Amino acid sequence: MLNKMTLKTRSWVKKRVKITGTWKIKVQKAGKRHLLMNKAKRSKKKDQYGETLSQSEVKRVLRQLPYGIK
């Protein structure tokens, strides 16, 4: 019996990125875990929704996800 080879998805990518409906990739911005009382409310609110990656980084991330994110 032949084994069907499957491509492995990189687990670190699954946990850290979200793909939007238009195939843009959003990631969490840094600096939102602790010491939040020292940061201004405006800067915390601005970073609330994460950040979209540039087109060159999108290609690199999608290569790590052969089947996309389900």
PDB file of N, CA and C in Angstrom:
ATOM      1  N   MET A   1       0.832  -1.183   0.000  1.00  0.00           N
ATOM      2  CA  MET A   1       0.000   0.000   0.000  1.00  0.00           C
ATOM      3  C   MET A   1       0.877   1.247   0.000  1.00  0.00           C
ATOM      4  N   LEU A   2       0.518   2.206  -0.840  1.00  0.00           N
ATOM      5  CA  LEU A   2       1.291   3.438  -0.934  1.00  0.00           C
ATOM      6  C   LEU A   2       0.881   4.422   0.162  1.00  0.00           C
ATOM      7  N   ASN A   3       1.870   5.042   0.770  1.00  0.00           N
ATOM      8  CA  ASN A   3       1.593   6.087   1.744  1.00  0.00           C
ATOM      9  C   ASN A   3       1.434   7.403   1.011  1.00  0.00           C
ATOM     10  N   LYS A   4       0.388   8.116   1.318  1.00  0.00           N
ATOM     11  CA  LYS A   4       0.199   9.430   0.723  1.00  0.00           C
ATOM     12  C   LYS A   4       0.977  10.441   1.569  1.00  0.00           C
ATOM     13  N   MET A   5       1.874  11.147   0.931  1.00  0.00           N
ATOM     14  CA  MET A   5       2.685  12.122   1.655  1.00  0.00           C
ATOM     15  C   MET A   5       1.850  13.378   1.917  1.00  0.00           C
ATOM     16  N   THR A   6       1.880  13.872   3.131  1.00  0.00           N
ATOM     17  CA  THR A   6       1.190  15.111   3.468  1.00  0.00           C
ATOM     18  C   THR A   6       2.215  16.137   3.910  1.00  0.00           C
ATOM     19  N   LEU A   7       1.899  17.389   3.635  1.00  0.00           N
ATOM     20  CA  LEU A   7       2.764  18.474   4.058  1.00  0.00           C
ATOM     21  C   LEU A   7       2.385  18.882   5.470  1.00  0.00           C
ATOM     22  N   LYS A   8       3.375  19.167   6.281  1.00  0.00           N
ATOM     23  CA  LYS A   8       3.104  19.565   7.654  1.00  0.00           C
ATOM     24  C   LYS A   8       2.940  21.085   7.728  1.00  0.00           C
ATOM     25  N   THR A   9       1.970  21.509   8.497  1.00  0.00           N
ATOM     26  CA  THR A   9       1.764  22.923   8.773  1.00  0.00           C
ATOM     27  C   THR A   9       2.626  23.301   9.971  1.00  0.00           C
ATOM     28  N   ARG A  10       3.251  24.462   9.873  1.00  0.00           N
ATOM     29  CA  ARG A  10       4.070  24.929  11.003  1.00  0.00           C
ATOM     30  C   ARG A  10       3.145  25.411  12.108  1.00  0.00           C
ATOM     31  N   SER A  11       3.242  24.788  13.265  1.00  0.00           N
ATOM     32  CA  SER A  11       2.318  25.092  14.356  1.00  0.00           C
ATOM     33  C   SER A  11       2.481  26.518  14.873  1.00  0.00           C
ATOM     34  N   TRP A  12       3.678  27.059  14.838  1.00  0.00           N
ATOM     35  CA  TRP A  12       3.879  28.408  15.349  1.00  0.00           C
ATOM     36  C   TRP A  12       3.112  29.421  14.519  1.00  0.00           C
ATOM     37  N   VAL A  13       2.939  29.154  13.234  1.00  0.00           N
ATOM     38  CA  VAL A  13       2.217  30.094  12.381  1.00  0.00           C
ATOM     39  C   VAL A  13       0.720  30.037  12.681  1.00  0.00           C
ATOM     40  N   LYS A  14       0.195  28.829  12.886  1.00  0.00           N
ATOM     41  CA  LYS A  14      -1.232  28.672  13.179  1.00  0.00           C
ATOM     42  C   LYS A  14      -1.632  29.471  14.406  1.00  0.00           C
ATOM     43  N   LYS A  15      -0.734  29.498  15.403  1.00  0.00           N
ATOM     44  CA  LYS A  15      -1.060  30.135  16.663  1.00  0.00           C
ATOM     45  C   LYS A  15      -0.910  31.652  16.626  1.00  0.00           C
ATOM     46  N   ARG A  16      -0.161  32.189  15.678  1.00  0.00           N
ATOM     47  CA  ARG A  16       0.207  33.599  15.736  1.00  0.00           C
ATOM     48  C   ARG A  16      -0.396  34.477  14.658  1.00  0.00           C
ATOM     49  N   VAL A  17      -0.994  33.904  13.625  1.00  0.00           N
ATOM     50  CA  VAL A  17      -1.531  34.739  12.549  1.00  0.00           C
ATOM     51  C   VAL A  17      -3.003  34.438  12.335  1.00  0.00           C
ATOM     52  N   LYS A  18      -3.690  35.418  11.747  1.00  0.00           N
ATOM     53  CA  LYS A  18      -5.081  35.261  11.350  1.00  0.00           C
ATOM     54  C   LYS A  18      -5.204  35.782   9.925  1.00  0.00           C
ATOM     55  N   ILE A  19      -5.859  35.005   9.064  1.00  0.00           N
ATOM     56  CA  ILE A  19      -6.021  35.397   7.672  1.00  0.00           C
ATOM     57  C   ILE A  19      -7.410  36.009   7.510  1.00  0.00           C
ATOM     58  N   THR A  20      -7.464  37.209   6.923  1.00  0.00           N
ATOM     59  CA  THR A  20      -8.736  37.881   6.717  1.00  0.00           C
ATOM     60  C   THR A  20      -9.403  37.341   5.455  1.00  0.00           C
ATOM     61  N   GLY A  21     -10.576  37.817   5.160  1.00  0.00           N
ATOM     62  CA  GLY A  21     -11.309  37.366   3.977  1.00  0.00           C
ATOM     63  C   GLY A  21     -10.640  37.756   2.678  1.00  0.00           C
ATOM     64  N   THR A  22      -9.853  38.822   2.685  1.00  0.00           N
ATOM     65  CA  THR A  22      -9.152  39.266   1.479  1.00  0.00           C
ATOM     66  C   THR A  22      -7.701  38.786   1.457  1.00  0.00           C
ATOM     67  N   TRP A  23      -7.397  37.763   2.254  1.00  0.00           N
ATOM     68  CA  TRP A  23      -6.064  37.139   2.332  1.00  0.00           C
ATOM     69  C   TRP A  23      -4.982  38.087   2.828  1.00  0.00           C
ATOM     70  N   LYS A  24      -5.384  39.066   3.647  1.00  0.00           N
ATOM     71  CA  LYS A  24      -4.379  39.825   4.372  1.00  0.00           C
ATOM     72  C   LYS A  24      -4.101  39.059   5.652  1.00  0.00           C
ATOM     73  N   ILE A  25      -2.905  39.206   6.185  1.00  0.00           N
ATOM     74  CA  ILE A  25      -2.522  38.468   7.383  1.00  0.00           C
ATOM     75  C   ILE A  25      -2.338  39.448   8.533  1.00  0.00           C
ATOM     76  N   LYS A  26      -3.055  39.179   9.637  1.00  0.00           N
ATOM     77  CA  LYS A  26      -2.977  40.034  10.814  1.00  0.00           C
ATOM     78  C   LYS A  26      -2.195  39.312  11.901  1.00  0.00           C
ATOM     79  N   VAL A  27      -1.365  40.061  12.599  1.00  0.00           N
ATOM     80  CA  VAL A  27      -0.581  39.531  13.717  1.00  0.00           C
ATOM     81  C   VAL A  27      -0.760  40.453  14.914  1.00  0.00           C
ATOM     82  N   GLN A  28      -0.532  39.907  16.095  1.00  0.00           N
ATOM     83  CA  GLN A  28      -0.620  40.674  17.333  1.00  0.00           C
ATOM     84  C   GLN A  28       0.591  41.591  17.438  1.00  0.00           C
ATOM     85  N   LYS A  29       0.373  42.803  17.844  1.00  0.00           N
ATOM     86  CA  LYS A  29       1.490  43.723  18.045  1.00  0.00           C
ATOM     87  C   LYS A  29       2.161  43.453  19.391  1.00  0.00           C
ATOM     88  N   ALA A  30       3.413  43.801  19.484  1.00  0.00           N
ATOM     89  CA  ALA A  30       4.176  43.578  20.711  1.00  0.00           C
ATOM     90  C   ALA A  30       3.839  44.643  21.752  1.00  0.00           C
ATOM     91  N   GLY A  31       4.102  44.334  23.008  1.00  0.00           N
ATOM     92  CA  GLY A  31       3.970  45.310  24.075  1.00  0.00           C
ATOM     93  C   GLY A  31       2.581  45.408  24.672  1.00  0.00           C
ATOM     94  N   LYS A  32       1.794  44.340  24.625  1.00  0.00           N
ATOM     95  CA  LYS A  32       0.440  44.385  25.154  1.00  0.00           C
ATOM     96  C   LYS A  32       0.213  43.343  26.248  1.00  0.00           C
ATOM     97  N   ARG A  33       1.250  42.846  26.886  1.00  0.00           N
ATOM     98  CA  ARG A  33       1.104  41.775  27.863  1.00  0.00           C
ATOM     99  C   ARG A  33       1.156  42.262  29.307  1.00  0.00           C
ATOM    100  N   HIS A  34       2.070  43.135  29.599  1.00  0.00           N
ATOM    101  CA  HIS A  34       2.226  43.570  30.991  1.00  0.00           C
ATOM    102  C   HIS A  34       2.708  45.009  31.006  1.00  0.00           C
ATOM    103  N   LEU A  35       2.745  45.608  32.198  1.00  0.00           N
ATOM    104  CA  LEU A  35       3.105  47.016  32.396  1.00  0.00           C
ATOM    105  C   LEU A  35       2.190  47.951  31.624  1.00  0.00           C
ATOM    106  N   LEU A  36       0.900  47.596  31.537  1.00  0.00           N
ATOM    107  CA  LEU A  36      -0.030  48.375  30.731  1.00  0.00           C
ATOM    108  C   LEU A  36      -0.461  49.668  31.422  1.00  0.00           C
ATOM    109  N   MET A  37      -0.302  49.739  32.749  1.00  0.00           N
ATOM    110  CA  MET A  37      -0.727  50.971  33.422  1.00  0.00           C
ATOM    111  C   MET A  37       0.244  52.116  33.128  1.00  0.00           C
ATOM    112  N   ASN A  38       1.439  51.818  32.656  1.00  0.00           N
ATOM    113  CA  ASN A  38       2.402  52.862  32.317  1.00  0.00           C
ATOM    114  C   ASN A  38       2.233  53.363  30.888  1.00  0.00           C
ATOM    115  N   LYS A  39       1.364  52.731  30.129  1.00  0.00           N
ATOM    116  CA  LYS A  39       1.175  53.118  28.735  1.00  0.00           C
ATOM    117  C   LYS A  39      -0.088  53.960  28.610  1.00  0.00           C
ATOM    118  N   ALA A  40      -0.080  54.866  27.673  1.00  0.00           N
ATOM    119  CA  ALA A  40      -1.230  55.752  27.475  1.00  0.00           C
ATOM    120  C   ALA A  40      -2.418  54.972  26.921  1.00  0.00           C
ATOM    121  N   LYS A  41      -3.605  55.428  27.272  1.00  0.00           N
ATOM    122  CA  LYS A  41      -4.824  54.764  26.812  1.00  0.00           C
ATOM    123  C   LYS A  41      -4.902  54.794  25.289  1.00  0.00           C
ATOM    124  N   ARG A  42      -4.468  55.889  24.708  1.00  0.00           N
ATOM    125  CA  ARG A  42      -4.523  56.037  23.251  1.00  0.00           C
ATOM    126  C   ARG A  42      -3.637  55.011  22.544  1.00  0.00           C
ATOM    127  N   SER A  43      -2.447  54.773  23.064  1.00  0.00           N
ATOM    128  CA  SER A  43      -1.545  53.810  22.424  1.00  0.00           C
ATOM    129  C   SER A  43      -2.035  52.378  22.603  1.00  0.00           C
ATOM    130  N   LYS A  44      -2.676  52.094  23.737  1.00  0.00           N
ATOM    131  CA  LYS A  44      -3.232  50.752  23.948  1.00  0.00           C
ATOM    132  C   LYS A  44      -4.411  50.520  23.012  1.00  0.00           C
ATOM    133  N   LYS A  45      -5.227  51.525  22.825  1.00  0.00           N
ATOM    134  CA  LYS A  45      -6.396  51.414  21.958  1.00  0.00           C
ATOM    135  C   LYS A  45      -5.969  51.285  20.486  1.00  0.00           C
ATOM    136  N   LYS A  46      -4.920  51.997  20.123  1.00  0.00           N
ATOM    137  CA  LYS A  46      -4.441  52.000  18.738  1.00  0.00           C
ATOM    138  C   LYS A  46      -3.932  50.617  18.332  1.00  0.00           C
ATOM    139  N   ASP A  47      -3.330  49.907  19.249  1.00  0.00           N
ATOM    140  CA  ASP A  47      -2.762  48.591  18.956  1.00  0.00           C
ATOM    141  C   ASP A  47      -3.756  47.461  19.193  1.00  0.00           C
ATOM    142  N   GLN A  48      -5.015  47.785  19.382  1.00  0.00           N
ATOM    143  CA  GLN A  48      -6.001  46.796  19.788  1.00  0.00           C
ATOM    144  C   GLN A  48      -6.222  45.718  18.724  1.00  0.00           C
ATOM    145  N   TYR A  49      -6.237  46.088  17.471  1.00  0.00           N
ATOM    146  CA  TYR A  49      -6.641  45.159  16.426  1.00  0.00           C
ATOM    147  C   TYR A  49      -5.472  44.475  15.728  1.00  0.00           C
ATOM    148  N   GLY A  50      -4.264  44.708  16.164  1.00  0.00           N
ATOM    149  CA  GLY A  50      -3.124  44.066  15.542  1.00  0.00           C
ATOM    150  C   GLY A  50      -2.648  44.830  14.325  1.00  0.00           C
ATOM    151  N   GLU A  51      -1.823  44.177  13.543  1.00  0.00           N
ATOM    152  CA  GLU A  51      -1.179  44.857  12.434  1.00  0.00           C
ATOM    153  C   GLU A  51      -1.161  43.915  11.237  1.00  0.00           C
ATOM    154  N   THR A  52      -1.338  44.445  10.040  1.00  0.00           N
ATOM    155  CA  THR A  52      -1.285  43.593   8.850  1.00  0.00           C
ATOM    156  C   THR A  52       0.151  43.529   8.350  1.00  0.00           C
ATOM    157  N   LEU A  53       0.516  42.385   7.835  1.00  0.00           N
ATOM    158  CA  LEU A  53       1.873  42.180   7.349  1.00  0.00           C
ATOM    159  C   LEU A  53       2.037  42.734   5.944  1.00  0.00           C
ATOM    160  N   SER A  54       3.274  43.045   5.586  1.00  0.00           N
ATOM    161  CA  SER A  54       3.556  43.523   4.237  1.00  0.00           C
ATOM    162  C   SER A  54       3.464  42.361   3.252  1.00  0.00           C
ATOM    163  N   GLN A  55       3.398  42.681   1.969  1.00  0.00           N
ATOM    164  CA  GLN A  55       3.181  41.667   0.940  1.00  0.00           C
ATOM    165  C   GLN A  55       4.326  40.652   0.883  1.00  0.00           C
ATOM    166  N   SER A  56       5.555  41.093   1.132  1.00  0.00           N
ATOM    167  CA  SER A  56       6.683  40.162   1.093  1.00  0.00           C
ATOM    168  C   SER A  56       6.622  39.173   2.259  1.00  0.00           C
ATOM    169  N   GLU A  57       6.170  39.643   3.424  1.00  0.00           N
ATOM    170  CA  GLU A  57       6.044  38.745   4.572  1.00  0.00           C
ATOM    171  C   GLU A  57       4.862  37.798   4.414  1.00  0.00           C
ATOM    172  N   VAL A  58       3.824  38.226   3.693  1.00  0.00           N
ATOM    173  CA  VAL A  58       2.653  37.376   3.465  1.00  0.00           C
ATOM    174  C   VAL A  58       3.068  36.120   2.701  1.00  0.00           C
ATOM    175  N   LYS A  59       3.878  36.275   1.681  1.00  0.00           N
ATOM    176  CA  LYS A  59       4.339  35.122   0.897  1.00  0.00           C
ATOM    177  C   LYS A  59       5.115  34.142   1.780  1.00  0.00           C
ATOM    178  N   ARG A  60       5.936  34.678   2.665  1.00  0.00           N
ATOM    179  CA  ARG A  60       6.749  33.837   3.548  1.00  0.00           C
ATOM    180  C   ARG A  60       5.871  33.069   4.532  1.00  0.00           C
ATOM    181  N   VAL A  61       4.838  33.723   5.054  1.00  0.00           N
ATOM    182  CA  VAL A  61       3.953  33.070   6.010  1.00  0.00           C
ATOM    183  C   VAL A  61       3.088  32.026   5.320  1.00  0.00           C
ATOM    184  N   LEU A  62       2.552  32.346   4.148  1.00  0.00           N
ATOM    185  CA  LEU A  62       1.689  31.399   3.442  1.00  0.00           C
ATOM    186  C   LEU A  62       2.441  30.145   3.015  1.00  0.00           C
ATOM    187  N   ARG A  63       3.736  30.254   2.820  1.00  0.00           N
ATOM    188  CA  ARG A  63       4.541  29.081   2.503  1.00  0.00           C
ATOM    189  C   ARG A  63       4.576  28.098   3.682  1.00  0.00           C
ATOM    190  N   GLN A  64       4.432  28.623   4.892  1.00  0.00           N
ATOM    191  CA  GLN A  64       4.441  27.774   6.086  1.00  0.00           C
ATOM    192  C   GLN A  64       3.080  27.096   6.319  1.00  0.00           C
ATOM    193  N   LEU A  65       2.057  27.555   5.594  1.00  0.00           N
ATOM    194  CA  LEU A  65       0.695  27.035   5.753  1.00  0.00           C
ATOM    195  C   LEU A  65       0.242  26.393   4.453  1.00  0.00           C
ATOM    196  N   PRO A  66       0.614  25.164   4.178  1.00  0.00           N
ATOM    197  CA  PRO A  66       0.273  24.573   2.889  1.00  0.00           C
ATOM    198  C   PRO A  66      -1.217  24.394   2.657  1.00  0.00           C
ATOM    199  N   TYR A  67      -2.007  24.256   3.717  1.00  0.00           N
ATOM    200  CA  TYR A  67      -3.447  24.027   3.565  1.00  0.00           C
ATOM    201  C   TYR A  67      -4.276  25.203   4.078  1.00  0.00           C
ATOM    202  N   GLY A  68      -3.634  26.312   4.419  1.00  0.00           N
ATOM    203  CA  GLY A  68      -4.352  27.436   4.988  1.00  0.00           C
ATOM    204  C   GLY A  68      -4.715  27.189   6.443  1.00  0.00           C
ATOM    205  N   ILE A  69      -5.404  28.127   7.041  1.00  0.00           N
ATOM    206  CA  ILE A  69      -5.853  27.988   8.424  1.00  0.00           C
ATOM    207  C   ILE A  69      -7.323  27.638   8.402  1.00  0.00           C
ATOM    208  N   LYS A  70      -7.695  26.595   9.137  1.00  0.00           N
ATOM    209  CA  LYS A  70      -9.095  26.183   9.165  1.00  0.00           C
ATOM    210  C   LYS A  70      -9.739  26.604  10.452  1.00  0.00           C
TER     211      LYS A  70
END
